[in-house]
Structure formats: C-alpha cells, structure tokens
PDB file of all heavy atoms in Angstrom:
ATOM      1  N   ARG A   1     107.516 137.783  41.410  1.00  0.00           N
ATOM      2  CA  ARG A   1     108.963 137.565  41.382  1.00  0.00           C
ATOM      3  C   ARG A   1     109.488 137.228  42.773  1.00  0.00           C
ATOM      4  O   ARG A   1     110.360 136.372  42.938  1.00  0.00           O
ATOM      5  CB  ARG A   1     109.669 138.813  40.818  1.00  0.00           C
ATOM      6  CG  ARG A   1     109.488 138.999  39.317  1.00  0.00           C
ATOM      7  CD  ARG A   1     110.366 140.112  38.777  1.00  0.00           C
ATOM      8  NE  ARG A   1     110.331 140.132  37.317  1.00  0.00           N
ATOM      9  CZ  ARG A   1     109.799 141.098  36.582  1.00  0.00           C
ATOM     10  NH1 ARG A   1     109.259 142.141  37.176  1.00  0.00           N
ATOM     11  NH2 ARG A   1     109.800 141.033  35.269  1.00  0.00           N
ATOM     12  N   GLN A   2     108.949 137.887  43.784  1.00  0.00           N
ATOM     13  CA  GLN A   2     109.383 137.613  45.158  1.00  0.00           C
ATOM     14  C   GLN A   2     109.032 136.190  45.576  1.00  0.00           C
ATOM     15  O   GLN A   2     109.835 135.505  46.229  1.00  0.00           O
ATOM     16  CB  GLN A   2     108.740 138.627  46.100  1.00  0.00           C
ATOM     17  CG  GLN A   2     109.265 140.048  45.910  1.00  0.00           C
ATOM     18  CD  GLN A   2     108.425 141.095  46.612  1.00  0.00           C
ATOM     19  OE1 GLN A   2     107.441 140.768  47.297  1.00  0.00           O
ATOM     20  NE2 GLN A   2     108.780 142.364  46.455  1.00  0.00           N
ATOM     21  N   ILE A   3     107.844 135.705  45.213  1.00  0.00           N
ATOM     22  CA  ILE A   3     107.441 134.334  45.529  1.00  0.00           C
ATOM     23  C   ILE A   3     108.367 133.335  44.850  1.00  0.00           C
ATOM     24  O   ILE A   3     108.851 132.370  45.468  1.00  0.00           O
ATOM     25  CB  ILE A   3     105.975 134.092  45.103  1.00  0.00           C
ATOM     26  CG1 ILE A   3     105.021 134.852  46.027  1.00  0.00           C
ATOM     27  CG2 ILE A   3     105.645 132.604  45.102  1.00  0.00           C
ATOM     28  CD1 ILE A   3     103.595 134.878  45.531  1.00  0.00           C
ATOM     29  N   ILE A   4     108.621 133.549  43.555  1.00  0.00           N
ATOM     30  CA  ILE A   4     109.478 132.629  42.806  1.00  0.00           C
ATOM     31  C   ILE A   4     110.891 132.618  43.379  1.00  0.00           C
ATOM     32  O   ILE A   4     111.492 131.543  43.580  1.00  0.00           O
ATOM     33  CB  ILE A   4     109.487 133.016  41.315  1.00  0.00           C
ATOM     34  CG1 ILE A   4     108.112 132.755  40.702  1.00  0.00           C
ATOM     35  CG2 ILE A   4     110.566 132.240  40.559  1.00  0.00           C
ATOM     36  CD1 ILE A   4     107.956 133.301  39.293  1.00  0.00           C
ATOM     37  N   GLU A   5     111.422 133.796  43.653  1.00  0.00           N
ATOM     38  CA  GLU A   5     112.784 133.868  44.191  1.00  0.00           C
ATOM     39  C   GLU A   5     112.880 133.196  45.562  1.00  0.00           C
ATOM     40  O   GLU A   5     113.889 132.538  45.879  1.00  0.00           O
ATOM     41  CB  GLU A   5     113.214 135.333  44.261  1.00  0.00           C
ATOM     42  CG  GLU A   5     113.473 135.928  42.880  1.00  0.00           C
ATOM     43  CD  GLU A   5     113.568 137.441  42.879  1.00  0.00           C
ATOM     44  OE1 GLU A   5     113.545 138.046  43.981  1.00  0.00           O
ATOM     45  OE2 GLU A   5     113.655 138.041  41.787  1.00  0.00           O
ATOM     46  N   LYS A   6     111.845 133.321  46.376  1.00  0.00           N
ATOM     47  CA  LYS A   6     111.847 132.651  47.678  1.00  0.00           C
ATOM     48  C   LYS A   6     111.823 131.140  47.512  1.00  0.00           C
ATOM     49  O   LYS A   6     112.568 130.405  48.187  1.00  0.00           O
ATOM     50  CB  LYS A   6     110.645 133.112  48.498  1.00  0.00           C
ATOM     51  CG  LYS A   6     110.572 132.487  49.885  1.00  0.00           C
ATOM     52  CD  LYS A   6     109.357 133.005  50.659  1.00  0.00           C
ATOM     53  CE  LYS A   6     109.261 132.326  52.031  1.00  0.00           C
ATOM     54  NZ  LYS A   6     108.071 132.808  52.785  1.00  0.00           N
ATOM     55  N   ASP A   7     110.973 130.648  46.601  1.00  0.00           N
ATOM     56  CA  ASP A   7     110.903 129.204  46.368  1.00  0.00           C
ATOM     57  C   ASP A   7     112.222 128.661  45.829  1.00  0.00           C
ATOM     58  O   ASP A   7     112.665 127.563  46.205  1.00  0.00           O
ATOM     59  CB  ASP A   7     109.767 128.882  45.383  1.00  0.00           C
ATOM     60  CG  ASP A   7     108.402 128.949  46.038  1.00  0.00           C
ATOM     61  OD1 ASP A   7     108.329 128.849  47.280  1.00  0.00           O
ATOM     62  OD2 ASP A   7     107.398 129.096  45.310  1.00  0.00           O
ATOM     63  N   LEU A   8     112.854 129.421  44.941  1.00  0.00           N
ATOM     64  CA  LEU A   8     114.145 128.973  44.413  1.00  0.00           C
ATOM     65  C   LEU A   8     115.204 128.943  45.509  1.00  0.00           C
ATOM     66  O   LEU A   8     116.017 128.011  45.591  1.00  0.00           O
ATOM     67  CB  LEU A   8     114.583 129.888  43.267  1.00  0.00           C
ATOM     68  CG  LEU A   8     113.766 129.794  41.968  1.00  0.00           C
ATOM     69  CD1 LEU A   8     114.240 130.836  40.966  1.00  0.00           C
ATOM     70  CD2 LEU A   8     113.877 128.398  41.362  1.00  0.00           C
ATOM     71  N   ALA A   9     115.193 129.973  46.367  1.00  0.00           N
ATOM     72  CA  ALA A   9     116.184 130.034  47.453  1.00  0.00           C
ATOM     73  C   ALA A   9     115.987 128.895  48.443  1.00  0.00           C
ATOM     74  O   ALA A   9     116.949 128.345  48.979  1.00  0.00           O
ATOM     75  CB  ALA A   9     116.080 131.383  48.170  1.00  0.00           C
ATOM     76  N   GLN A  10     114.726 128.527  48.710  1.00  0.00           N
ATOM     77  CA  GLN A  10     114.438 127.461  49.672  1.00  0.00           C
ATOM     78  C   GLN A  10     114.424 126.071  49.045  1.00  0.00           C
ATOM     79  O   GLN A  10     114.286 125.077  49.769  1.00  0.00           O
ATOM     80  CB  GLN A  10     113.088 127.734  50.343  1.00  0.00           C
ATOM     81  CG  GLN A  10     113.068 129.008  51.188  1.00  0.00           C
ATOM     82  CD  GLN A  10     111.715 129.278  51.815  1.00  0.00           C
ATOM     83  OE1 GLN A  10     110.709 128.652  51.455  1.00  0.00           O
ATOM     84  NE2 GLN A  10     111.678 130.195  52.773  1.00  0.00           N
ATOM     85  N   GLY A  11     114.553 125.997  47.735  1.00  0.00           N
ATOM     86  CA  GLY A  11     114.543 124.696  47.057  1.00  0.00           C
ATOM     87  C   GLY A  11     113.206 123.987  47.146  1.00  0.00           C
ATOM     88  O   GLY A  11     113.147 122.749  47.194  1.00  0.00           O
ATOM     89  N   THR A  12     112.129 124.752  47.141  1.00  0.00           N
ATOM     90  CA  THR A  12     110.792 124.178  47.320  1.00  0.00           C
ATOM     91  C   THR A  12     110.513 123.068  46.322  1.00  0.00           C
ATOM     92  O   THR A  12     109.928 122.034  46.664  1.00  0.00           O
ATOM     93  CB  THR A  12     109.726 125.284  47.193  1.00  0.00           C
ATOM     94  OG1 THR A  12     110.016 126.322  48.130  1.00  0.00           O
ATOM     95  CG2 THR A  12     108.335 124.732  47.444  1.00  0.00           C
ATOM     96  N   TYR A  13     110.918 123.270  45.075  1.00  0.00           N
ATOM     97  CA  TYR A  13     110.618 122.279  44.033  1.00  0.00           C
ATOM     98  C   TYR A  13     111.888 121.628  43.485  1.00  0.00           C
ATOM     99  O   TYR A  13     111.880 121.046  42.402  1.00  0.00           O
ATOM    100  CB  TYR A  13     109.840 122.956  42.891  1.00  0.00           C
ATOM    101  CG  TYR A  13     108.487 123.465  43.313  1.00  0.00           C
ATOM    102  CD1 TYR A  13     108.284 124.798  43.643  1.00  0.00           C
ATOM    103  CD2 TYR A  13     107.393 122.600  43.397  1.00  0.00           C
ATOM    104  CE1 TYR A  13     107.037 125.265  44.037  1.00  0.00           C
ATOM    105  CE2 TYR A  13     106.150 123.050  43.790  1.00  0.00           C
ATOM    106  CZ  TYR A  13     105.972 124.388  44.115  1.00  0.00           C
ATOM    107  OH  TYR A  13     104.726 124.844  44.506  1.00  0.00           O
ATOM    108  N   ALA A  14     112.952 121.704  44.235  1.00  0.00           N
ATOM    109  CA  ALA A  14     114.246 121.232  43.736  1.00  0.00           C
ATOM    110  C   ALA A  14     114.284 119.723  43.500  1.00  0.00           C
ATOM    111  O   ALA A  14     115.095 119.235  42.709  1.00  0.00           O
ATOM    112  CB  ALA A  14     115.355 121.636  44.706  1.00  0.00           C
ATOM    113  N   GLU A  15     113.426 118.963  44.185  1.00  0.00           N
ATOM    114  CA  GLU A  15     113.446 117.508  44.058  1.00  0.00           C
ATOM    115  C   GLU A  15     112.518 116.986  42.969  1.00  0.00           C
ATOM    116  O   GLU A  15     112.392 115.774  42.782  1.00  0.00           O
ATOM    117  CB  GLU A  15     113.059 116.873  45.397  1.00  0.00           C
ATOM    118  CG  GLU A  15     113.966 117.257  46.555  1.00  0.00           C
ATOM    119  CD  GLU A  15     115.415 116.893  46.292  1.00  0.00           C
ATOM    120  OE1 GLU A  15     115.666 115.777  45.784  1.00  0.00           O
ATOM    121  OE2 GLU A  15     116.299 117.742  46.564  1.00  0.00           O
ATOM    122  N   ARG A  16     111.851 117.889  42.276  1.00  0.00           N
ATOM    123  CA  ARG A  16     110.920 117.437  41.238  1.00  0.00           C
ATOM    124  C   ARG A  16     111.640 116.660  40.145  1.00  0.00           C
ATOM    125  O   ARG A  16     112.802 116.913  39.834  1.00  0.00           O
ATOM    126  CB  ARG A  16     110.214 118.637  40.572  1.00  0.00           C
ATOM    127  CG  ARG A  16     109.102 119.253  41.357  1.00  0.00           C
ATOM    128  CD  ARG A  16     108.531 120.439  40.600  1.00  0.00           C
ATOM    129  NE  ARG A  16     109.591 121.309  40.122  1.00  0.00           N
ATOM    130  CZ  ARG A  16     109.782 121.631  38.854  1.00  0.00           C
ATOM    131  NH1 ARG A  16     109.002 121.144  37.927  1.00  0.00           N
ATOM    132  NH2 ARG A  16     110.780 122.436  38.510  1.00  0.00           N
ATOM    133  N   ARG A  17     110.901 115.764  39.538  1.00  0.00           N
ATOM    134  CA  ARG A  17     111.422 115.011  38.398  1.00  0.00           C
ATOM    135  C   ARG A  17     110.491 115.243  37.209  1.00  0.00           C
ATOM    136  O   ARG A  17     109.308 115.550  37.369  1.00  0.00           O
ATOM    137  CB  ARG A  17     111.539 113.524  38.737  1.00  0.00           C
ATOM    138  CG  ARG A  17     112.362 113.274  40.000  1.00  0.00           C
ATOM    139  CD  ARG A  17     112.568 111.795  40.266  1.00  0.00           C
ATOM    140  NE  ARG A  17     113.601 111.204  39.427  1.00  0.00           N
ATOM    141  CZ  ARG A  17     114.909 111.305  39.645  1.00  0.00           C
ATOM    142  NH1 ARG A  17     115.364 111.978  40.683  1.00  0.00           N
ATOM    143  NH2 ARG A  17     115.772 110.718  38.846  1.00  0.00           N
ATOM    144  N   TRP A  18     111.047 115.093  36.027  1.00  0.00           N
ATOM    145  CA  TRP A  18     110.281 115.354  34.812  1.00  0.00           C
ATOM    146  C   TRP A  18     110.594 114.274  33.795  1.00  0.00           C
ATOM    147  O   TRP A  18     111.746 114.059  33.415  1.00  0.00           O
ATOM    148  CB  TRP A  18     110.630 116.734  34.253  1.00  0.00           C
ATOM    149  CG  TRP A  18     110.008 117.080  32.933  1.00  0.00           C
ATOM    150  CD1 TRP A  18     110.668 117.329  31.765  1.00  0.00           C
ATOM    151  CD2 TRP A  18     108.611 117.242  32.646  1.00  0.00           C
ATOM    152  NE1 TRP A  18     109.778 117.639  30.768  1.00  0.00           N
ATOM    153  CE2 TRP A  18     108.505 117.600  31.274  1.00  0.00           C
ATOM    154  CE3 TRP A  18     107.449 117.123  33.401  1.00  0.00           C
ATOM    155  CZ2 TRP A  18     107.265 117.819  30.659  1.00  0.00           C
ATOM    156  CZ3 TRP A  18     106.216 117.360  32.793  1.00  0.00           C
ATOM    157  CH2 TRP A  18     106.131 117.706  31.438  1.00  0.00           C
ATOM    158  N   ALA A  19     109.551 113.568  33.373  1.00  0.00           N
ATOM    159  CA  ALA A  19     109.721 112.449  32.444  1.00  0.00           C
ATOM    160  C   ALA A  19     109.698 112.891  30.986  1.00  0.00           C
ATOM    161  O   ALA A  19     109.781 112.052  30.087  1.00  0.00           O
ATOM    162  CB  ALA A  19     108.624 111.413  32.687  1.00  0.00           C
ATOM    163  N   GLY A  20     109.557 114.192  30.758  1.00  0.00           N
ATOM    164  CA  GLY A  20     109.516 114.697  29.388  1.00  0.00           C
ATOM    165  C   GLY A  20     108.120 114.819  28.836  1.00  0.00           C
ATOM    166  O   GLY A  20     107.912 115.397  27.774  1.00  0.00           O
ATOM    167  N   VAL A  21     107.158 114.250  29.541  1.00  0.00           N
ATOM    168  CA  VAL A  21     105.752 114.322  29.146  1.00  0.00           C
ATOM    169  C   VAL A  21     104.916 114.481  30.410  1.00  0.00           C
ATOM    170  O   VAL A  21     105.349 114.108  31.505  1.00  0.00           O
ATOM    171  CB  VAL A  21     105.301 113.050  28.390  1.00  0.00           C
ATOM    172  CG1 VAL A  21     105.999 112.922  27.045  1.00  0.00           C
ATOM    173  CG2 VAL A  21     105.527 111.800  29.240  1.00  0.00           C
ATOM    174  N   PRO A  22     103.707 115.023  30.288  1.00  0.00           N
ATOM    175  CA  PRO A  22     102.839 115.101  31.456  1.00  0.00           C
ATOM    176  C   PRO A  22     102.493 113.705  31.960  1.00  0.00           C
ATOM    177  O   PRO A  22     102.402 112.741  31.193  1.00  0.00           O
ATOM    178  CB  PRO A  22     101.587 115.821  30.917  1.00  0.00           C
ATOM    179  CG  PRO A  22     102.059 116.552  29.704  1.00  0.00           C
ATOM    180  CD  PRO A  22     103.116 115.676  29.103  1.00  0.00           C
ATOM    181  N   GLY A  23     102.302 113.609  33.268  1.00  0.00           N
ATOM    182  CA  GLY A  23     101.931 112.317  33.843  1.00  0.00           C
ATOM    183  C   GLY A  23     101.822 112.406  35.349  1.00  0.00           C
ATOM    184  O   GLY A  23     102.270 113.373  35.975  1.00  0.00           O
ATOM    185  N   GLY A  24     101.248 111.356  35.937  1.00  0.00           N
ATOM    186  CA  GLY A  24     101.098 111.279  37.373  1.00  0.00           C
ATOM    187  C   GLY A  24     102.383 110.857  38.052  1.00  0.00           C
ATOM    188  O   GLY A  24     103.461 110.793  37.437  1.00  0.00           O
ATOM    189  N   ALA A  25     102.278 110.521  39.345  1.00  0.00           N
ATOM    190  CA  ALA A  25     103.462 110.201  40.147  1.00  0.00           C
ATOM    191  C   ALA A  25     104.214 108.997  39.587  1.00  0.00           C
ATOM    192  O   ALA A  25     105.452 108.955  39.629  1.00  0.00           O
ATOM    193  CB  ALA A  25     103.031 109.934  41.591  1.00  0.00           C
ATOM    194  N   ASP A  26     103.492 108.020  39.050  1.00  0.00           N
ATOM    195  CA  ASP A  26     104.159 106.815  38.551  1.00  0.00           C
ATOM    196  C   ASP A  26     105.045 107.132  37.343  1.00  0.00           C
ATOM    197  O   ASP A  26     106.126 106.558  37.185  1.00  0.00           O
ATOM    198  CB  ASP A  26     103.125 105.748  38.179  1.00  0.00           C
ATOM    199  CG  ASP A  26     102.101 106.230  37.169  1.00  0.00           C
ATOM    200  OD1 ASP A  26     101.888 107.463  37.085  1.00  0.00           O
ATOM    201  OD2 ASP A  26     101.502 105.395  36.461  1.00  0.00           O
ATOM    202  N   ILE A  27     104.599 108.053  36.502  1.00  0.00           N
ATOM    203  CA  ILE A  27     105.388 108.415  35.316  1.00  0.00           C
ATOM    204  C   ILE A  27     106.516 109.372  35.675  1.00  0.00           C
ATOM    205  O   ILE A  27     107.675 109.158  35.308  1.00  0.00           O
ATOM    206  CB  ILE A  27     104.470 109.030  34.239  1.00  0.00           C
ATOM    207  CG1 ILE A  27     103.520 107.952  33.685  1.00  0.00           C
ATOM    208  CG2 ILE A  27     105.293 109.671  33.118  1.00  0.00           C
ATOM    209  CD1 ILE A  27     102.530 108.466  32.668  1.00  0.00           C
ATOM    210  N   GLN A  28     106.198 110.434  36.406  1.00  0.00           N
ATOM    211  CA  GLN A  28     107.217 111.428  36.721  1.00  0.00           C
ATOM    212  C   GLN A  28     108.298 110.867  37.629  1.00  0.00           C
ATOM    213  O   GLN A  28     109.463 111.280  37.560  1.00  0.00           O
ATOM    214  CB  GLN A  28     106.572 112.671  37.374  1.00  0.00           C
ATOM    215  CG  GLN A  28     105.527 113.358  36.521  1.00  0.00           C
ATOM    216  CD  GLN A  28     106.058 113.860  35.180  1.00  0.00           C
ATOM    217  OE1 GLN A  28     107.248 113.823  34.906  1.00  0.00           O
ATOM    218  NE2 GLN A  28     105.144 114.298  34.327  1.00  0.00           N
TER     219      GLN A  28
END
C-alpha cells in the first residue's frame, strides 16, 4: 500500500495510455 500510494502521489504512471486491449507502444 505504501508503494502504491507513493507512486500515485508522484504520478509515476499518470501519463500512461490504454487502448482498451493489450498491446505494445504502437497500440497503446
């Protein structure tokens, strides 16, 4: 929980994109 809360506070994955299906960089 501490790791997740730290990542959320720092926006570690805030820029991720999701195409609705699994895929590599070109799809996501």
